[in-house]
Amino acid sequence: METLRDKVAVITGAASGIGRAIAHALANRGAHIVAVDLDQEGIEALTGDLSGHGAAVLPQHVDVSDPQAFEGIRSAALQRFGGVDIVVNNVGVLTNGLPQDIPVAEWQRILDINLMSVVRSNAAFLPLLLDQGAGHVVNTASFAGLFTYSYDRLPYAATKAAIVQISEGLAIYLRPKNIGVTLLCPGPVLTNIAAAVPTFGAGAPLRIPGEQFELLDPAQVGELVADAILRNRFFVPTHAGVIEELRRRVDDWDSYIDYQISREPQ
């Protein structure tokens, strides 16, 4: 896209953190925002903030794990703005516990929110983007989906790894059809994602990707996403140093696992 002015962007998980920052970054460049989140108070606050700066915002208080959610979001966006140009699948939730302690029902909950929301979003919006022959999809994964540094949140990590694969497959399919795909992979970012994390069993120590990755402000990530859409970039990590981490892992995977074991929290 040469410009974001008057483009319509649907953003899930928009009430806080990275989603909120993406909404601000796109709105600052003239985009219209369809802000989707289960947090009604947060969505109302975002709507007031963006509207106060002249942006057009359509708040959608929606549970993305609802199988019918995205049909409703699509209909509301088309009714208000007449189209959709950008879809940002950003919603994500965490859980905590040792692998044997996290119940199957919790795995299902995480899959429904983190992964199936992307699948349902694709079902609702890809036909629209393909019909118009233009658009852009942004999927938020995580460092946890790129390399394994934790076993304390396996359902989360598994969904983010799946999103990496979905995004790369979509890029291969959609780029020749003039539709861009961006895979956003955040490392440590100051958000509230861990504010209400369910814990199972005695819980598990929080493992981090590495001390070398500094904690970023979400606003920096929002700017990265806006730039990626305009430049049609696929892989957008929040920290460039992750490239070396990925090289180290692929060079000797067994040794990399031993290295991660050696980092066991005390």
Protein backbone atom coordinates (compact mmCIF):
# COMPACT_ATOMS: atom_id res chain seq x y z
CA MET A 1 0.00 0.00 0.00
CA GLU A 2 1.28 3.45 -0.87
CA THR A 3 -0.83 5.07 1.83
CA LEU A 4 -2.99 4.10 4.80
CA ARG A 5 -5.27 7.11 4.44
CA ASP A 6 -8.94 6.04 4.32
CA LYS A 7 -8.01 2.36 4.51
CA VAL A 8 -10.21 0.30 6.82
CA ALA A 9 -8.36 -1.81 9.38
CA VAL A 10 -9.95 -4.52 11.52
CA ILE A 11 -7.83 -5.10 14.65
CA THR A 12 -8.52 -7.83 17.21
CA GLY A 13 -7.21 -7.44 20.73
CA ALA A 14 -7.33 -3.71 20.18
CA ALA A 15 -8.21 -2.58 23.70
CA SER A 16 -4.69 -2.70 25.09
CA GLY A 17 -1.03 -3.43 24.51
CA ILE A 18 0.17 -4.13 21.00
CA GLY A 19 -3.33 -4.05 19.48
CA ARG A 20 -3.99 -0.62 20.91
CA ALA A 21 -0.61 0.60 19.67
CA ILE A 22 -1.31 -0.71 16.16
CA ALA A 23 -4.69 1.05 16.18
CA HIS A 24 -2.98 4.34 17.08
CA ALA A 25 -0.23 3.92 14.49
CA LEU A 26 -2.68 3.17 11.66
CA ALA A 27 -5.15 5.87 12.73
CA ASN A 28 -2.33 8.42 12.87
CA ARG A 29 -1.75 7.66 9.19
CA GLY A 30 -5.40 8.22 8.30
CA ALA A 31 -6.85 4.72 8.55
CA HIS A 32 -10.34 3.96 9.81
CA ILE A 33 -10.31 1.48 12.69
CA VAL A 34 -12.63 -1.41 13.52
CA ALA A 35 -11.53 -2.08 17.10
CA VAL A 36 -12.36 -5.58 18.34
CA ASP A 37 -11.98 -6.80 21.92
CA LEU A 38 -13.78 -8.54 24.75
CA ASP A 39 -12.74 -5.71 27.08
CA GLN A 40 -15.62 -3.29 26.60
CA GLU A 41 -14.17 -0.61 28.86
CA GLY A 42 -10.86 -0.74 27.03
CA ILE A 43 -12.53 -0.55 23.63
CA GLU A 44 -14.60 2.45 24.72
CA ALA A 45 -11.47 4.19 26.01
CA LEU A 46 -9.63 3.53 22.73
CA THR A 47 -12.60 4.75 20.71
CA GLY A 48 -12.79 7.97 22.69
CA ASP A 49 -9.05 8.52 22.38
CA LEU A 50 -8.87 7.95 18.63
CA SER A 51 -12.09 9.83 17.92
CA GLY A 52 -10.73 12.76 19.89
CA HIS A 53 -7.87 12.91 17.41
CA GLY A 54 -10.17 12.85 14.40
CA ALA A 55 -10.09 9.14 13.54
CA ALA A 56 -13.17 7.18 12.50
CA VAL A 57 -13.58 4.20 14.85
CA LEU A 58 -16.10 1.37 14.99
CA PRO A 59 -15.91 -0.43 18.36
CA GLN A 60 -16.81 -4.11 18.40
CA HIS A 61 -17.27 -5.71 21.82
CA VAL A 62 -16.85 -9.32 20.69
CA ASP A 63 -15.59 -12.66 21.94
CA VAL A 64 -13.40 -13.91 19.07
CA SER A 65 -13.79 -17.51 20.24
CA ASP A 66 -17.45 -17.32 19.19
CA PRO A 67 -17.75 -19.23 15.88
CA GLN A 68 -19.99 -16.48 14.46
CA ALA A 69 -17.92 -13.54 15.69
CA PHE A 70 -16.12 -12.65 12.48
CA GLU A 71 -19.19 -12.72 10.28
CA GLY A 72 -20.65 -10.09 12.60
CA ILE A 73 -17.47 -8.03 12.56
CA ARG A 74 -17.31 -8.17 8.78
CA SER A 75 -20.95 -7.13 8.40
CA ALA A 76 -20.53 -4.22 10.81
CA ALA A 77 -17.36 -3.03 9.04
CA LEU A 78 -19.00 -3.17 5.62
CA GLN A 79 -22.09 -1.37 6.85
CA ARG A 80 -20.08 1.44 8.48
CA PHE A 81 -17.16 1.84 6.08
CA GLY A 82 -18.13 -0.01 2.91
CA GLY A 83 -15.06 -2.24 2.84
CA VAL A 84 -12.08 -3.75 4.63
CA ASP A 85 -8.47 -3.30 3.54
CA ILE A 86 -6.36 -4.48 6.47
CA VAL A 87 -6.99 -7.32 8.92
CA VAL A 88 -4.82 -7.49 12.04
CA ASN A 89 -5.22 -10.78 13.91
CA ASN A 90 -3.59 -9.74 17.14
CA VAL A 91 -5.62 -11.23 20.00
CA GLY A 92 -3.77 -13.62 22.30
CA VAL A 93 -4.04 -15.04 25.81
CA LEU A 94 -1.67 -16.94 28.09
CA THR A 95 -1.93 -19.78 30.57
CA ASN A 96 0.62 -21.09 33.06
CA GLY A 97 1.47 -24.52 34.39
CA LEU A 98 3.70 -27.54 33.97
CA PRO A 99 2.88 -29.62 30.87
CA GLN A 100 1.21 -32.38 32.89
CA ASP A 101 -0.90 -29.91 34.89
CA ILE A 102 -2.63 -27.93 32.14
CA PRO A 103 -5.98 -29.63 31.43
CA VAL A 104 -7.27 -30.41 27.97
CA ALA A 105 -10.09 -27.90 28.45
CA GLU A 106 -7.56 -25.11 28.94
CA TRP A 107 -5.71 -26.19 25.81
CA GLN A 108 -9.03 -25.96 23.97
CA ARG A 109 -9.70 -22.46 25.34
CA ILE A 110 -6.29 -21.18 24.23
CA LEU A 111 -6.66 -22.81 20.81
CA ASP A 112 -10.11 -21.27 20.33
CA ILE A 113 -8.90 -17.76 21.14
CA ASN A 114 -5.35 -17.62 19.80
CA LEU A 115 -5.48 -19.95 16.82
CA MET A 116 -9.06 -20.49 15.73
CA SER A 117 -9.70 -16.74 15.79
CA VAL A 118 -7.14 -16.46 12.98
CA VAL A 119 -8.75 -19.34 11.10
CA ARG A 120 -12.21 -17.78 11.44
CA SER A 121 -10.88 -14.36 10.50
CA ASN A 122 -9.38 -15.82 7.33
CA ALA A 123 -12.70 -17.48 6.50
CA ALA A 124 -14.55 -14.19 6.90
CA PHE A 125 -12.12 -11.73 5.32
CA LEU A 126 -9.94 -13.51 2.75
CA PRO A 127 -12.79 -13.87 0.21
CA LEU A 128 -13.40 -10.14 0.56
CA LEU A 129 -9.74 -9.25 0.01
CA LEU A 130 -9.44 -11.69 -2.90
CA ASP A 131 -12.56 -10.26 -4.58
CA GLN A 132 -11.18 -6.74 -4.43
CA GLY A 133 -7.67 -7.87 -5.45
CA ALA A 134 -5.92 -5.89 -2.72
CA GLY A 135 -5.39 -5.77 1.01
CA HIS A 136 -3.07 -6.76 3.82
CA VAL A 137 -3.17 -9.33 6.63
CA VAL A 138 -1.13 -8.98 9.81
CA ASN A 139 -0.84 -11.96 12.16
CA THR A 140 0.70 -11.56 15.61
CA ALA A 141 2.75 -14.57 16.66
CA SER A 142 5.55 -14.39 19.26
CA PHE A 143 9.17 -15.26 19.89
CA ALA A 144 7.58 -18.27 21.62
CA GLY A 145 6.43 -19.42 18.18
CA LEU A 146 9.90 -19.03 16.66
CA PHE A 147 12.11 -20.83 19.18
CA THR A 148 11.37 -22.74 22.36
CA TYR A 149 12.53 -21.13 25.56
CA SER A 150 9.62 -22.12 27.79
CA TYR A 151 7.53 -25.05 28.85
CA ASP A 152 5.42 -22.99 31.27
CA ARG A 153 2.96 -21.90 28.54
CA LEU A 154 2.91 -24.70 25.98
CA PRO A 155 -0.64 -24.03 24.69
CA TYR A 156 0.30 -20.40 23.97
CA ALA A 157 3.58 -21.36 22.31
CA ALA A 158 1.90 -24.03 20.19
CA THR A 159 -0.71 -21.59 18.88
CA LYS A 160 1.93 -19.01 18.06
CA ALA A 161 4.04 -21.58 16.18
CA ALA A 162 0.93 -22.50 14.19
CA ILE A 163 0.37 -18.84 13.35
CA VAL A 164 3.92 -18.66 11.96
CA GLN A 165 3.10 -21.53 9.58
CA ILE A 166 -0.30 -20.13 8.61
CA SER A 167 1.24 -16.74 7.87
CA GLU A 168 4.02 -18.09 5.67
CA GLY A 169 1.57 -20.23 3.73
CA LEU A 170 -0.73 -17.24 3.25
CA ALA A 171 2.16 -15.12 2.02
CA ILE A 172 3.07 -17.69 -0.63
CA TYR A 173 -0.56 -17.84 -1.75
CA LEU A 174 -1.60 -14.20 -1.45
CA ARG A 175 1.43 -12.18 -2.56
CA PRO A 176 0.91 -13.07 -6.25
CA LYS A 177 -2.68 -11.89 -5.81
CA ASN A 178 -1.63 -8.41 -4.62
CA ILE A 179 -2.45 -9.09 -0.97
CA GLY A 180 0.31 -8.54 1.56
CA VAL A 181 0.96 -10.65 4.66
CA THR A 182 2.97 -9.60 7.69
CA LEU A 183 4.07 -11.92 10.48
CA LEU A 184 4.61 -9.87 13.64
CA CYS A 185 6.77 -11.69 16.19
CA PRO A 186 7.03 -9.75 19.45
CA GLY A 187 9.66 -10.44 22.03
CA PRO A 188 9.42 -8.72 25.42
CA VAL A 189 6.89 -5.88 25.13
CA LEU A 190 5.29 -3.98 28.00
CA THR A 191 1.65 -5.16 27.84
CA ASN A 192 -0.95 -6.49 30.26
CA ILE A 193 -1.14 -9.95 28.66
CA ALA A 194 0.09 -11.55 31.90
CA ALA A 195 -2.31 -9.58 34.14
CA ALA A 196 -4.88 -12.36 34.52
CA VAL A 197 -3.17 -15.62 33.56
CA PRO A 198 -4.79 -18.83 34.86
CA THR A 199 -2.36 -21.03 36.78
CA PHE A 200 -2.63 -24.80 37.00
CA GLY A 201 -1.02 -27.12 39.52
CA ALA A 202 1.65 -25.30 41.49
CA GLY A 203 2.37 -23.17 38.45
CA ALA A 204 5.67 -22.99 36.58
CA PRO A 205 8.50 -20.46 36.80
CA LEU A 206 8.27 -17.81 34.12
CA ARG A 207 10.92 -18.39 31.48
CA ILE A 208 11.95 -15.49 29.26
CA PRO A 209 13.49 -15.55 25.76
CA GLY A 210 16.77 -14.08 27.00
CA GLU A 211 18.22 -11.21 28.97
CA GLN A 212 19.60 -9.75 25.73
CA PHE A 213 16.10 -8.74 24.59
CA GLU A 214 15.08 -5.41 26.11
CA LEU A 215 11.52 -4.62 27.15
CA LEU A 216 9.90 -2.43 24.48
CA ASP A 217 7.06 0.06 24.63
CA PRO A 218 4.03 -1.09 22.58
CA ALA A 219 4.08 2.18 20.62
CA GLN A 220 7.35 1.09 19.00
CA VAL A 221 5.67 -2.11 17.83
CA GLY A 222 2.71 -0.22 16.41
CA GLU A 223 5.08 1.84 14.28
CA LEU A 224 6.83 -1.32 13.06
CA VAL A 225 3.50 -2.74 11.89
CA ALA A 226 2.41 0.41 10.09
CA ASP A 227 5.76 0.55 8.30
CA ALA A 228 5.55 -3.16 7.40
CA ILE A 229 2.14 -2.72 5.78
CA LEU A 230 3.38 0.21 3.71
CA ARG A 231 6.57 -1.63 2.71
CA ASN A 232 4.87 -5.02 2.29
CA ARG A 233 7.30 -6.73 4.67
CA PHE A 234 6.63 -10.28 5.81
CA PHE A 235 8.77 -10.99 8.88
CA VAL A 236 8.69 -8.29 11.54
CA PRO A 237 10.44 -9.24 14.79
CA THR A 238 10.46 -6.60 17.50
CA HIS A 239 14.12 -7.29 18.26
CA ALA A 240 16.62 -7.81 15.42
CA GLY A 241 18.79 -9.99 17.68
CA VAL A 242 16.31 -12.85 17.35
CA ILE A 243 17.81 -13.65 13.94
CA GLU A 244 21.05 -14.78 15.56
CA GLU A 245 19.06 -16.82 18.10
CA LEU A 246 17.31 -18.65 15.26
CA ARG A 247 20.64 -19.34 13.52
CA ARG A 248 22.08 -20.74 16.73
CA ARG A 249 19.12 -23.07 17.13
CA VAL A 250 19.14 -24.41 13.58
CA ASP A 251 22.91 -24.95 13.58
CA ASP A 252 22.69 -27.55 16.37
CA TRP A 253 19.22 -28.18 17.72
CA ASP A 254 20.31 -30.72 20.35
CA SER A 255 22.88 -28.32 21.77
CA TYR A 256 20.31 -25.55 21.75
CA ILE A 257 17.95 -27.63 23.87
CA ASP A 258 20.80 -28.28 26.32
CA TYR A 259 21.45 -24.54 26.40
CA GLN A 260 17.81 -23.83 27.24
CA ILE A 261 17.89 -26.48 29.98
CA SER A 262 20.92 -24.74 31.47
CA ARG A 263 18.87 -21.53 31.76
CA GLU A 264 16.42 -23.16 34.16
CA PRO A 265 15.08 -20.52 36.59
CA GLN A 266 16.35 -20.98 40.13
